[in-house]
Every structure is written in structure tokens, then in C-alpha cells.
Amino acid sequence: MPTGHETGGRSARKPRYQRAIASLLLGLSIALAAAALTGRVEAQTEDSQYTAQAILDGARLFTANCQLCHGENGNGVGGVDLARQQFKTVRTDDDIIALLHNGVPSAGMPAFASFQREQAKTLVAYIRAGFAARGAATAGGDAERGKALFTGKGGCARCHVERGVGPHAAPNLANIGAIRLPADIERSILDPARAMLPINRPIRIVLRGGRVIEGRRLNEDTYTVQLAGSDSTLISLSKADIRTYEKSASPAMPSYAGRFTAAEMADLLTYLIALKGI
């Protein structure tokens, strides 16, 4: 039977024991909170490693290789919403890269084994950014107002085909929204020299008889070249008849920098990205 002294000792030790447990629990709570905060900071740091250029490059890669099945907004495959980070099996960036390289044969997804790791990482960047490269320049845009700019103030219809109507002096825009990003289209409008694709470089041909032909190349093979003349006439030439063949680094299209307000540019881009050849 315990003595009064022993009972008092145990009673005295009990508050100290409770205080020790409370201190331990408090310390553990602080440590867990710090760990959670650290995890959040690390996640934010990892997110910040996706540069704007990587996201834009990934958007281009997605448009060219993935959009047909996954859709423009990344939700074209059942159970998967790429822009919202909803996946069936993958969790990490490396999981996504591995899936790209290996494909999912059972689901009909081909393997993109030819992608370099850096290319695959740009796709990851685009997905992790929630498809942020799309639409930023078109915020508040109106397609109907954009069409009016295309046919009116911009004078775009004088050179470009859209919806099957127009000349061939400039690239056909019938499906421009399906093959180019808003940022790329905007750059083509504001800085056409920098954004010009090789196939769109103006050419100047001098035939052996001295005739000069200038226009836009449409197609070329080993023996022939087809082009749209400056008057939109379609011309096919045998290379055997050509004396000189020059490709210009200067685009035929002028820069529209400063000619449209930001709101007008958003309207025009909204109209152009709606042109998907459908």
C-alpha cells in the first residue's frame, strides 16, 4: 500500500508528465506545419522552373502532335483533363515523360519515342501550366468584330484565303486556328519578318527567256516548283526552264505593329483562332 509520501510524489510528477507530453505534441505539430510549408514552397519552386518559353514550346508541340486526340483544351479523352491535371495513371513529371515515350497501346495512344527529353519536358511545362499559353492575348476578344477587322481595316482578305474565299497571294488561313497558337499568330501580325516560315518566303524567278516571276511558293520537288503569282495566278514551272531562283528573307506582308489597338488585336486573334478548317 503506498504511503502518503509516495502518493504525493506521484501527484507531483503527474503535472510534469502531462506538461512534457503537451510540449512534445506542440513540437510535433510545429514540425509538421513546417514540413507542410516546406513542401508548399518546394512545389512552388518546382513550378517556377517552367519558363514562359518552355510553356510556349510545349504548346506548339501539343498543337502539332496531341491536339487531334486530346482536343484543344486537353479534355478530348475520357477520364483525362490535361489542363486541370486530371490523369488516369500518371502523377509526376517523370511519369508524364515516360508515358510520352512509351505510349498507351491499350488506349490507342502511340509512343512518341522520337521526342528528346527536353522536348517532352516542354510538353510537361505546358500541361502543368494549365495550358496557359493559350488565350492570353485573346482575352475579351470578339470574333465578329475580328472578322470585320479582317475584311476591313486590316485588309487581310486582299491577300489571304479564309473559309475557302480569297486570293492565294498569302498563306491560306482556313485552318490557322488548328495549327498555330494565338501567340504565334500575333507575332506573325506584329513582326512578320521574325515569324515567317521558310515555305512562306517570297521567291523571285528569272526564266531562261528572261521573264521574271515573283510570288509565293506553294510546292516544290526535284523537278518542278509551283507558286502563286503576285496577282494570285497559280503557276507551275519546270526547274529546267529556270535561270535564277531566289528566296527573299523579307516578307511580303507588312508589320501591323501600332495599327491595331490591344482590343482590336484581341478581336482579330479571336476570329483567326476560330478558323479550324471545319
C-alpha atoms as a PDB file:
ATOM      1  CA  MET A   1       0.000   0.000   0.000  1.00  0.00           C
ATOM      2  CA  PRO A   2       1.541   3.343  -0.977  1.00  0.00           C
ATOM      3  CA  THR A   3       2.416   5.794   1.686  1.00  0.00           C
ATOM      4  CA  GLY A   4       1.278   9.384   1.668  1.00  0.00           C
ATOM      5  CA  HIS A   5       4.750  10.424   0.658  1.00  0.00           C
ATOM      6  CA  GLU A   6       4.634   8.147  -2.377  1.00  0.00           C
ATOM      7  CA  THR A   7       1.161   9.330  -3.305  1.00  0.00           C
ATOM      8  CA  GLY A   8       2.216  12.933  -3.090  1.00  0.00           C
ATOM      9  CA  GLY A   9       5.312  12.225  -5.218  1.00  0.00           C
ATOM     10  CA  ARG A  10       3.256  10.635  -7.916  1.00  0.00           C
ATOM     11  CA  SER A  11       0.792  13.504  -7.798  1.00  0.00           C
ATOM     12  CA  ALA A  12       3.619  15.966  -8.163  1.00  0.00           C
ATOM     13  CA  ARG A  13       5.088  14.061 -11.071  1.00  0.00           C
ATOM     14  CA  LYS A  14       1.759  13.787 -12.938  1.00  0.00           C
ATOM     15  CA  PRO A  15       1.515  17.504 -13.958  1.00  0.00           C
ATOM     16  CA  ARG A  16       5.141  17.439 -15.052  1.00  0.00           C
ATOM     17  CA  TYR A  17       4.432  14.341 -17.157  1.00  0.00           C
ATOM     18  CA  GLN A  18       1.391  15.984 -18.745  1.00  0.00           C
ATOM     19  CA  ARG A  19       3.370  19.134 -19.477  1.00  0.00           C
ATOM     20  CA  ALA A  20       6.096  17.070 -21.136  1.00  0.00           C
ATOM     21  CA  ILE A  21       3.554  15.281 -23.337  1.00  0.00           C
ATOM     22  CA  ALA A  22       1.921  18.603 -24.248  1.00  0.00           C
ATOM     23  CA  SER A  23       5.303  20.088 -25.146  1.00  0.00           C
ATOM     24  CA  LEU A  24       6.128  17.069 -27.268  1.00  0.00           C
ATOM     25  CA  LEU A  25       2.817  17.290 -29.118  1.00  0.00           C
ATOM     26  CA  LEU A  26       3.269  21.027 -29.649  1.00  0.00           C
ATOM     27  CA  GLY A  27       6.753  20.473 -31.038  1.00  0.00           C
ATOM     28  CA  LEU A  28       5.486  17.742 -33.326  1.00  0.00           C
ATOM     29  CA  SER A  29       2.686  19.998 -34.587  1.00  0.00           C
ATOM     30  CA  ILE A  30       5.153  22.777 -35.322  1.00  0.00           C
ATOM     31  CA  ALA A  31       7.452  20.350 -37.143  1.00  0.00           C
ATOM     32  CA  LEU A  32       4.585  19.000 -39.247  1.00  0.00           C
ATOM     33  CA  ALA A  33       3.415  22.501 -40.079  1.00  0.00           C
ATOM     34  CA  ALA A  34       6.933  23.470 -41.083  1.00  0.00           C
ATOM     35  CA  ALA A  35       7.227  20.358 -43.225  1.00  0.00           C
ATOM     36  CA  ALA A  36       3.945  21.147 -44.933  1.00  0.00           C
ATOM     37  CA  LEU A  37       5.046  24.718 -45.526  1.00  0.00           C
ATOM     38  CA  THR A  38       8.370  23.490 -46.867  1.00  0.00           C
ATOM     39  CA  GLY A  39       6.527  21.128 -49.194  1.00  0.00           C
ATOM     40  CA  ARG A  40       4.440  24.008 -50.488  1.00  0.00           C
ATOM     41  CA  VAL A  41       7.491  26.174 -51.013  1.00  0.00           C
ATOM     42  CA  GLU A  42       9.284  23.357 -52.818  1.00  0.00           C
ATOM     43  CA  ALA A  43       6.257  22.812 -55.046  1.00  0.00           C
ATOM     44  CA  GLN A  44       6.150  26.498 -55.852  1.00  0.00           C
ATOM     45  CA  THR A  45       9.858  26.475 -56.636  1.00  0.00           C
ATOM     46  CA  GLU A  46       9.397  23.484 -58.938  1.00  0.00           C
ATOM     47  CA  ASP A  47       6.502  25.186 -60.721  1.00  0.00           C
ATOM     48  CA  SER A  48       8.605  28.293 -61.265  1.00  0.00           C
ATOM     49  CA  GLN A  49      11.152  26.199 -63.152  1.00  0.00           C
ATOM     50  CA  TYR A  50       8.759  26.118 -66.114  1.00  0.00           C
ATOM     51  CA  THR A  51       9.821  29.114 -68.148  1.00  0.00           C
ATOM     52  CA  ALA A  52       7.442  31.040 -70.381  1.00  0.00           C
ATOM     53  CA  GLN A  53       9.452  29.872 -73.398  1.00  0.00           C
ATOM     54  CA  ALA A  54       9.194  26.214 -72.337  1.00  0.00           C
ATOM     55  CA  ILE A  55       5.433  26.566 -71.933  1.00  0.00           C
ATOM     56  CA  LEU A  56       5.118  28.161 -75.360  1.00  0.00           C
ATOM     57  CA  ASP A  57       7.314  25.471 -76.959  1.00  0.00           C
ATOM     58  CA  GLY A  58       5.205  22.814 -75.282  1.00  0.00           C
ATOM     59  CA  ALA A  59       2.046  24.432 -76.604  1.00  0.00           C
ATOM     60  CA  ARG A  60       3.397  24.225 -80.151  1.00  0.00           C
ATOM     61  CA  LEU A  61       4.331  20.572 -79.644  1.00  0.00           C
ATOM     62  CA  PHE A  62       0.886  19.824 -78.226  1.00  0.00           C
ATOM     63  CA  THR A  63      -0.876  21.529 -81.143  1.00  0.00           C
ATOM     64  CA  ALA A  64       1.122  19.559 -83.698  1.00  0.00           C
ATOM     65  CA  ASN A  65       1.073  16.138 -82.014  1.00  0.00           C
ATOM     66  CA  CYS A  66      -1.583  15.830 -79.321  1.00  0.00           C
ATOM     67  CA  GLN A  67      -4.483  18.143 -80.086  1.00  0.00           C
ATOM     68  CA  LEU A  68      -6.146  15.826 -82.613  1.00  0.00           C
ATOM     69  CA  CYS A  69      -6.990  13.277 -79.898  1.00  0.00           C
ATOM     70  CA  HIS A  70      -6.850  15.284 -76.669  1.00  0.00           C
ATOM     71  CA  GLY A  71      -8.667  18.302 -78.062  1.00  0.00           C
ATOM     72  CA  GLU A  72      -7.775  21.971 -77.967  1.00  0.00           C
ATOM     73  CA  ASN A  73      -8.459  22.187 -74.228  1.00  0.00           C
ATOM     74  CA  GLY A  74      -6.916  18.844 -73.275  1.00  0.00           C
ATOM     75  CA  ASN A  75     -10.204  17.149 -72.358  1.00  0.00           C
ATOM     76  CA  GLY A  76     -10.871  15.139 -75.501  1.00  0.00           C
ATOM     77  CA  VAL A  77     -10.015  11.739 -73.966  1.00  0.00           C
ATOM     78  CA  GLY A  78     -12.446  10.258 -71.455  1.00  0.00           C
ATOM     79  CA  GLY A  79     -11.280  10.453 -67.859  1.00  0.00           C
ATOM     80  CA  VAL A  80      -8.393  12.773 -68.720  1.00  0.00           C
ATOM     81  CA  ASP A  81      -8.346  16.563 -68.479  1.00  0.00           C
ATOM     82  CA  LEU A  82      -4.799  17.733 -69.056  1.00  0.00           C
ATOM     83  CA  ALA A  83      -5.437  21.407 -68.352  1.00  0.00           C
ATOM     84  CA  ARG A  84      -6.960  20.511 -64.966  1.00  0.00           C
ATOM     85  CA  GLN A  85      -4.212  17.989 -64.115  1.00  0.00           C
ATOM     86  CA  GLN A  86      -6.649  15.072 -64.121  1.00  0.00           C
ATOM     87  CA  PHE A  87      -4.893  11.884 -65.227  1.00  0.00           C
ATOM     88  CA  LYS A  88      -5.678   8.186 -65.125  1.00  0.00           C
ATOM     89  CA  THR A  89      -2.305   6.847 -64.022  1.00  0.00           C
ATOM     90  CA  VAL A  90       0.457   9.449 -64.040  1.00  0.00           C
ATOM     91  CA  ARG A  91       1.375  11.609 -61.050  1.00  0.00           C
ATOM     92  CA  THR A  92       4.827  13.108 -61.504  1.00  0.00           C
ATOM     93  CA  ASP A  93       6.559  14.928 -64.341  1.00  0.00           C
ATOM     94  CA  ASP A  94       8.705  11.859 -64.949  1.00  0.00           C
ATOM     95  CA  ASP A  95       5.533   9.754 -65.187  1.00  0.00           C
ATOM     96  CA  ILE A  96       4.268  12.012 -67.974  1.00  0.00           C
ATOM     97  CA  ILE A  97       7.589  11.862 -69.821  1.00  0.00           C
ATOM     98  CA  ALA A  98       7.659   8.058 -69.532  1.00  0.00           C
ATOM     99  CA  LEU A  99       4.090   7.849 -70.827  1.00  0.00           C
ATOM    100  CA  LEU A 100       5.006  10.018 -73.815  1.00  0.00           C
ATOM    101  CA  HIS A 101       7.971   7.816 -74.658  1.00  0.00           C
ATOM    102  CA  ASN A 102       6.137   4.507 -74.159  1.00  0.00           C
ATOM    103  CA  GLY A 103       2.622   5.411 -75.251  1.00  0.00           C
ATOM    104  CA  VAL A 104      -0.509   3.585 -74.094  1.00  0.00           C
ATOM    105  CA  PRO A 105      -1.142   0.916 -76.758  1.00  0.00           C
ATOM    106  CA  SER A 106      -4.239  -0.403 -74.981  1.00  0.00           C
ATOM    107  CA  ALA A 107      -5.829   3.053 -75.197  1.00  0.00           C
ATOM    108  CA  GLY A 108      -4.667   3.761 -78.736  1.00  0.00           C
ATOM    109  CA  MET A 109      -2.048   6.329 -77.735  1.00  0.00           C
ATOM    110  CA  PRO A 110       1.126   5.995 -79.822  1.00  0.00           C
ATOM    111  CA  ALA A 111       4.613   6.212 -78.363  1.00  0.00           C
ATOM    112  CA  PHE A 112       6.494   9.433 -79.030  1.00  0.00           C
ATOM    113  CA  ALA A 113       9.893   7.817 -78.632  1.00  0.00           C
ATOM    114  CA  SER A 114      11.437  10.318 -81.039  1.00  0.00           C
ATOM    115  CA  PHE A 115      10.862  13.161 -78.568  1.00  0.00           C
ATOM    116  CA  GLN A 116      14.051  14.269 -76.879  1.00  0.00           C
ATOM    117  CA  ARG A 117      13.749  14.588 -73.106  1.00  0.00           C
ATOM    118  CA  GLU A 118      13.918  18.386 -73.341  1.00  0.00           C
ATOM    119  CA  GLN A 119      11.047  18.344 -75.834  1.00  0.00           C
ATOM    120  CA  ALA A 120       8.991  16.127 -73.558  1.00  0.00           C
ATOM    121  CA  LYS A 121       9.705  18.487 -70.664  1.00  0.00           C
ATOM    122  CA  THR A 122       8.214  21.392 -72.615  1.00  0.00           C
ATOM    123  CA  LEU A 123       5.000  19.386 -73.017  1.00  0.00           C
ATOM    124  CA  VAL A 124       5.028  18.771 -69.282  1.00  0.00           C
ATOM    125  CA  ALA A 125       5.533  22.501 -68.731  1.00  0.00           C
ATOM    126  CA  TYR A 126       2.538  23.298 -70.920  1.00  0.00           C
ATOM    127  CA  ILE A 127       0.350  20.763 -69.126  1.00  0.00           C
ATOM    128  CA  ARG A 128       1.484  21.883 -65.656  1.00  0.00           C
ATOM    129  CA  ALA A 129       0.816  25.496 -66.643  1.00  0.00           C
ATOM    130  CA  GLY A 130      -2.806  24.583 -67.301  1.00  0.00           C
ATOM    131  CA  PHE A 131      -2.498  25.412 -70.999  1.00  0.00           C
ATOM    132  CA  ALA A 132      -1.613  28.990 -70.030  1.00  0.00           C
ATOM    133  CA  ALA A 133      -0.044  29.699 -73.421  1.00  0.00           C
ATOM    134  CA  ARG A 134      -3.485  29.685 -74.997  1.00  0.00           C
ATOM    135  CA  GLY A 135      -5.846  32.599 -74.985  1.00  0.00           C
ATOM    136  CA  ALA A 136      -3.844  35.173 -73.014  1.00  0.00           C
ATOM    137  CA  ALA A 137      -3.668  37.535 -75.985  1.00  0.00           C
ATOM    138  CA  THR A 138      -7.334  36.977 -76.860  1.00  0.00           C
ATOM    139  CA  ALA A 139      -8.909  37.884 -73.516  1.00  0.00           C
ATOM    140  CA  GLY A 140     -12.112  39.814 -74.136  1.00  0.00           C
ATOM    141  CA  GLY A 141     -11.891  39.342 -77.902  1.00  0.00           C
ATOM    142  CA  ASP A 142     -14.956  39.143 -80.129  1.00  0.00           C
ATOM    143  CA  ALA A 143     -14.841  37.034 -83.300  1.00  0.00           C
ATOM    144  CA  GLU A 144     -17.445  39.075 -85.177  1.00  0.00           C
ATOM    145  CA  ARG A 145     -15.556  42.305 -84.598  1.00  0.00           C
ATOM    146  CA  GLY A 146     -12.391  40.447 -85.586  1.00  0.00           C
ATOM    147  CA  LYS A 147     -13.925  39.369 -88.878  1.00  0.00           C
ATOM    148  CA  ALA A 148     -14.843  42.986 -89.608  1.00  0.00           C
ATOM    149  CA  LEU A 149     -11.212  43.971 -88.988  1.00  0.00           C
ATOM    150  CA  PHE A 150     -10.007  41.116 -91.210  1.00  0.00           C
ATOM    151  CA  THR A 151     -12.107  42.225 -94.165  1.00  0.00           C
ATOM    152  CA  GLY A 152     -11.985  45.950 -93.421  1.00  0.00           C
ATOM    153  CA  LYS A 153      -9.343  47.929 -91.545  1.00  0.00           C
ATOM    154  CA  GLY A 154      -6.736  45.173 -91.662  1.00  0.00           C
ATOM    155  CA  GLY A 155      -7.136  44.489 -95.365  1.00  0.00           C
ATOM    156  CA  CYS A 156      -6.236  40.847 -94.673  1.00  0.00           C
ATOM    157  CA  ALA A 157      -8.776  39.462 -97.142  1.00  0.00           C
ATOM    158  CA  ARG A 158      -6.960  41.163-100.012  1.00  0.00           C
ATOM    159  CA  CYS A 159      -4.186  38.555 -99.774  1.00  0.00           C
ATOM    160  CA  HIS A 160      -5.360  35.674 -97.565  1.00  0.00           C
ATOM    161  CA  VAL A 161      -7.836  32.864 -98.153  1.00  0.00           C
ATOM    162  CA  GLU A 162     -10.184  32.210 -95.246  1.00  0.00           C
ATOM    163  CA  ARG A 163     -13.183  29.873 -95.185  1.00  0.00           C
ATOM    164  CA  GLY A 164     -12.396  28.970 -98.799  1.00  0.00           C
ATOM    165  CA  VAL A 165     -12.700  32.522-100.079  1.00  0.00           C
ATOM    166  CA  GLY A 166      -9.924  34.850-101.206  1.00  0.00           C
ATOM    167  CA  PRO A 167      -6.726  35.047-103.242  1.00  0.00           C
ATOM    168  CA  HIS A 168      -3.597  32.930-102.883  1.00  0.00           C
ATOM    169  CA  ALA A 169      -1.067  35.737-102.618  1.00  0.00           C
ATOM    170  CA  ALA A 170      -0.546  34.946 -98.915  1.00  0.00           C
ATOM    171  CA  PRO A 171      -0.851  31.763 -96.815  1.00  0.00           C
ATOM    172  CA  ASN A 172      -4.264  30.120 -96.610  1.00  0.00           C
ATOM    173  CA  LEU A 173      -5.796  30.825 -93.197  1.00  0.00           C
ATOM    174  CA  ALA A 174      -8.688  28.363 -93.460  1.00  0.00           C
ATOM    175  CA  ASN A 175      -7.344  26.225 -90.584  1.00  0.00           C
ATOM    176  CA  ILE A 176      -4.881  28.629 -88.969  1.00  0.00           C
ATOM    177  CA  GLY A 177      -6.537  28.197 -85.568  1.00  0.00           C
ATOM    178  CA  ALA A 178      -5.876  24.455 -85.624  1.00  0.00           C
ATOM    179  CA  ILE A 179      -2.191  24.637 -86.499  1.00  0.00           C
ATOM    180  CA  ARG A 180      -0.914  27.832 -84.866  1.00  0.00           C
ATOM    181  CA  LEU A 181      -1.104  29.236 -81.346  1.00  0.00           C
ATOM    182  CA  PRO A 182      -2.544  32.679 -80.608  1.00  0.00           C
ATOM    183  CA  ALA A 183       0.916  33.899 -79.594  1.00  0.00           C
ATOM    184  CA  ASP A 184       2.389  32.695 -82.897  1.00  0.00           C
ATOM    185  CA  ILE A 185      -0.383  34.310 -84.927  1.00  0.00           C
ATOM    186  CA  GLU A 186       0.037  37.561 -83.033  1.00  0.00           C
ATOM    187  CA  ARG A 187       3.773  37.541 -83.714  1.00  0.00           C
ATOM    188  CA  SER A 188       3.110  36.925 -87.416  1.00  0.00           C
ATOM    189  CA  ILE A 189       0.927  40.031 -87.482  1.00  0.00           C
ATOM    190  CA  LEU A 190       3.195  42.312 -85.474  1.00  0.00           C
ATOM    191  CA  ASP A 191       6.587  41.045 -86.643  1.00  0.00           C
ATOM    192  CA  PRO A 192       6.118  39.039 -89.862  1.00  0.00           C
ATOM    193  CA  ALA A 193       9.829  39.007 -90.704  1.00  0.00           C
ATOM    194  CA  ARG A 194      10.691  37.216 -87.481  1.00  0.00           C
ATOM    195  CA  ALA A 195       7.732  34.849 -87.604  1.00  0.00           C
ATOM    196  CA  MET A 196       7.866  33.924 -91.291  1.00  0.00           C
ATOM    197  CA  LEU A 197       8.059  30.196 -92.003  1.00  0.00           C
ATOM    198  CA  PRO A 198      10.524  29.048 -94.707  1.00  0.00           C
ATOM    199  CA  ILE A 199       7.734  27.843 -97.012  1.00  0.00           C
ATOM    200  CA  ASN A 200       6.230  31.344 -96.981  1.00  0.00           C
ATOM    201  CA  ARG A 201       9.337  33.211 -98.093  1.00  0.00           C
ATOM    202  CA  PRO A 202       8.661  35.229-101.265  1.00  0.00           C
ATOM    203  CA  ILE A 203      10.560  33.975-104.298  1.00  0.00           C
ATOM    204  CA  ARG A 204      11.841  35.643-107.428  1.00  0.00           C
ATOM    205  CA  ILE A 205      12.399  33.502-110.512  1.00  0.00           C
ATOM    206  CA  VAL A 206      14.062  34.515-113.756  1.00  0.00           C
ATOM    207  CA  LEU A 207      13.357  32.126-116.613  1.00  0.00           C
ATOM    208  CA  ARG A 208      15.929  31.326-119.293  1.00  0.00           C
ATOM    209  CA  GLY A 209      13.997  33.511-121.709  1.00  0.00           C
ATOM    210  CA  GLY A 210      14.311  36.497-119.338  1.00  0.00           C
ATOM    211  CA  ARG A 211      10.799  36.526-117.909  1.00  0.00           C
ATOM    212  CA  VAL A 212      10.658  37.477-114.213  1.00  0.00           C
ATOM    213  CA  ILE A 213       8.096  35.829-111.931  1.00  0.00           C
ATOM    214  CA  GLU A 214       7.564  36.816-108.302  1.00  0.00           C
ATOM    215  CA  GLY A 215       5.214  35.184-105.872  1.00  0.00           C
ATOM    216  CA  ARG A 216       4.739  32.746-103.013  1.00  0.00           C
ATOM    217  CA  ARG A 217       5.930  29.177-103.241  1.00  0.00           C
ATOM    218  CA  LEU A 218       3.161  26.615-102.803  1.00  0.00           C
ATOM    219  CA  ASN A 219       5.026  23.402-103.502  1.00  0.00           C
ATOM    220  CA  GLU A 220       8.383  22.212-104.774  1.00  0.00           C
ATOM    221  CA  ASP A 221      10.014  18.940-105.723  1.00  0.00           C
ATOM    222  CA  THR A 222      13.169  17.894-107.533  1.00  0.00           C
ATOM    223  CA  TYR A 223      11.951  18.903-110.976  1.00  0.00           C
ATOM    224  CA  THR A 224       9.203  21.495-110.559  1.00  0.00           C
ATOM    225  CA  VAL A 225       8.052  24.406-108.439  1.00  0.00           C
ATOM    226  CA  GLN A 226       4.522  25.713-108.031  1.00  0.00           C
ATOM    227  CA  LEU A 227       3.760  29.210-106.870  1.00  0.00           C
ATOM    228  CA  ALA A 228       1.045  31.804-106.557  1.00  0.00           C
ATOM    229  CA  GLY A 229       1.982  34.876-108.544  1.00  0.00           C
ATOM    230  CA  SER A 230       1.662  38.384-107.147  1.00  0.00           C
ATOM    231  CA  ASP A 231      -1.750  38.539-108.869  1.00  0.00           C
ATOM    232  CA  SER A 232      -2.732  35.183-107.256  1.00  0.00           C
ATOM    233  CA  THR A 233      -2.336  33.308-110.549  1.00  0.00           C
ATOM    234  CA  LEU A 234      -1.293  29.696-109.946  1.00  0.00           C
ATOM    235  CA  ILE A 235       1.910  28.899-111.842  1.00  0.00           C
ATOM    236  CA  SER A 236       3.812  25.639-112.307  1.00  0.00           C
ATOM    237  CA  LEU A 237       7.356  25.750-113.664  1.00  0.00           C
ATOM    238  CA  SER A 238       9.924  23.190-114.694  1.00  0.00           C
ATOM    239  CA  LYS A 239      13.237  23.820-112.967  1.00  0.00           C
ATOM    240  CA  ALA A 240      14.945  23.121-116.282  1.00  0.00           C
ATOM    241  CA  ASP A 241      13.461  26.407-117.541  1.00  0.00           C
ATOM    242  CA  ILE A 242      14.727  28.473-114.601  1.00  0.00           C
ATOM    243  CA  ARG A 243      17.872  30.582-114.840  1.00  0.00           C
ATOM    244  CA  THR A 244      17.862  32.031-111.300  1.00  0.00           C
ATOM    245  CA  TYR A 245      15.775  31.172-108.268  1.00  0.00           C
ATOM    246  CA  GLU A 246      15.988  33.491-105.237  1.00  0.00           C
ATOM    247  CA  LYS A 247      14.266  33.255-101.864  1.00  0.00           C
ATOM    248  CA  SER A 248      13.765  36.531-100.051  1.00  0.00           C
ATOM    249  CA  ALA A 249      14.255  36.939 -96.306  1.00  0.00           C
ATOM    250  CA  SER A 250      11.830  39.872 -96.317  1.00  0.00           C
ATOM    251  CA  PRO A 251       8.127  39.041 -96.059  1.00  0.00           C
ATOM    252  CA  ALA A 252       5.588  40.457 -98.466  1.00  0.00           C
ATOM    253  CA  MET A 253       3.320  41.174 -95.510  1.00  0.00           C
ATOM    254  CA  PRO A 254       3.853  44.492 -93.715  1.00  0.00           C
ATOM    255  CA  SER A 255       4.048  44.768 -89.940  1.00  0.00           C
ATOM    256  CA  TYR A 256       0.812  45.758 -88.248  1.00  0.00           C
ATOM    257  CA  ALA A 257       2.531  46.910 -85.057  1.00  0.00           C
ATOM    258  CA  GLY A 258       0.811  50.080 -83.904  1.00  0.00           C
ATOM    259  CA  ARG A 259      -2.028  49.757 -86.414  1.00  0.00           C
ATOM    260  CA  PHE A 260      -4.381  47.903 -84.086  1.00  0.00           C
ATOM    261  CA  THR A 261      -5.312  48.714 -80.503  1.00  0.00           C
ATOM    262  CA  ALA A 262      -4.928  45.941 -77.913  1.00  0.00           C
ATOM    263  CA  ALA A 263      -8.700  45.399 -78.018  1.00  0.00           C
ATOM    264  CA  GLU A 264      -8.687  45.185 -81.817  1.00  0.00           C
ATOM    265  CA  MET A 265      -5.810  42.724 -81.751  1.00  0.00           C
ATOM    266  CA  ALA A 266      -7.742  40.545 -79.288  1.00  0.00           C
ATOM    267  CA  ASP A 267     -10.764  40.672 -81.615  1.00  0.00           C
ATOM    268  CA  LEU A 268      -8.720  39.752 -84.686  1.00  0.00           C
ATOM    269  CA  LEU A 269      -6.936  36.892 -82.914  1.00  0.00           C
ATOM    270  CA  THR A 270     -10.223  35.562 -81.552  1.00  0.00           C
ATOM    271  CA  TYR A 271     -11.541  35.418 -85.111  1.00  0.00           C
ATOM    272  CA  LEU A 272      -8.408  33.803 -86.524  1.00  0.00           C
ATOM    273  CA  ILE A 273      -8.133  31.058 -83.903  1.00  0.00           C
ATOM    274  CA  ALA A 274     -11.748  30.137 -84.673  1.00  0.00           C
ATOM    275  CA  LEU A 275     -10.682  29.229 -88.234  1.00  0.00           C
ATOM    276  CA  LYS A 276     -10.120  25.491 -87.923  1.00  0.00           C
ATOM    277  CA  GLY A 277     -10.995  24.279 -91.405  1.00  0.00           C
ATOM    278  CA  ILE A 278     -14.254  22.728 -90.232  1.00  0.00           C
END
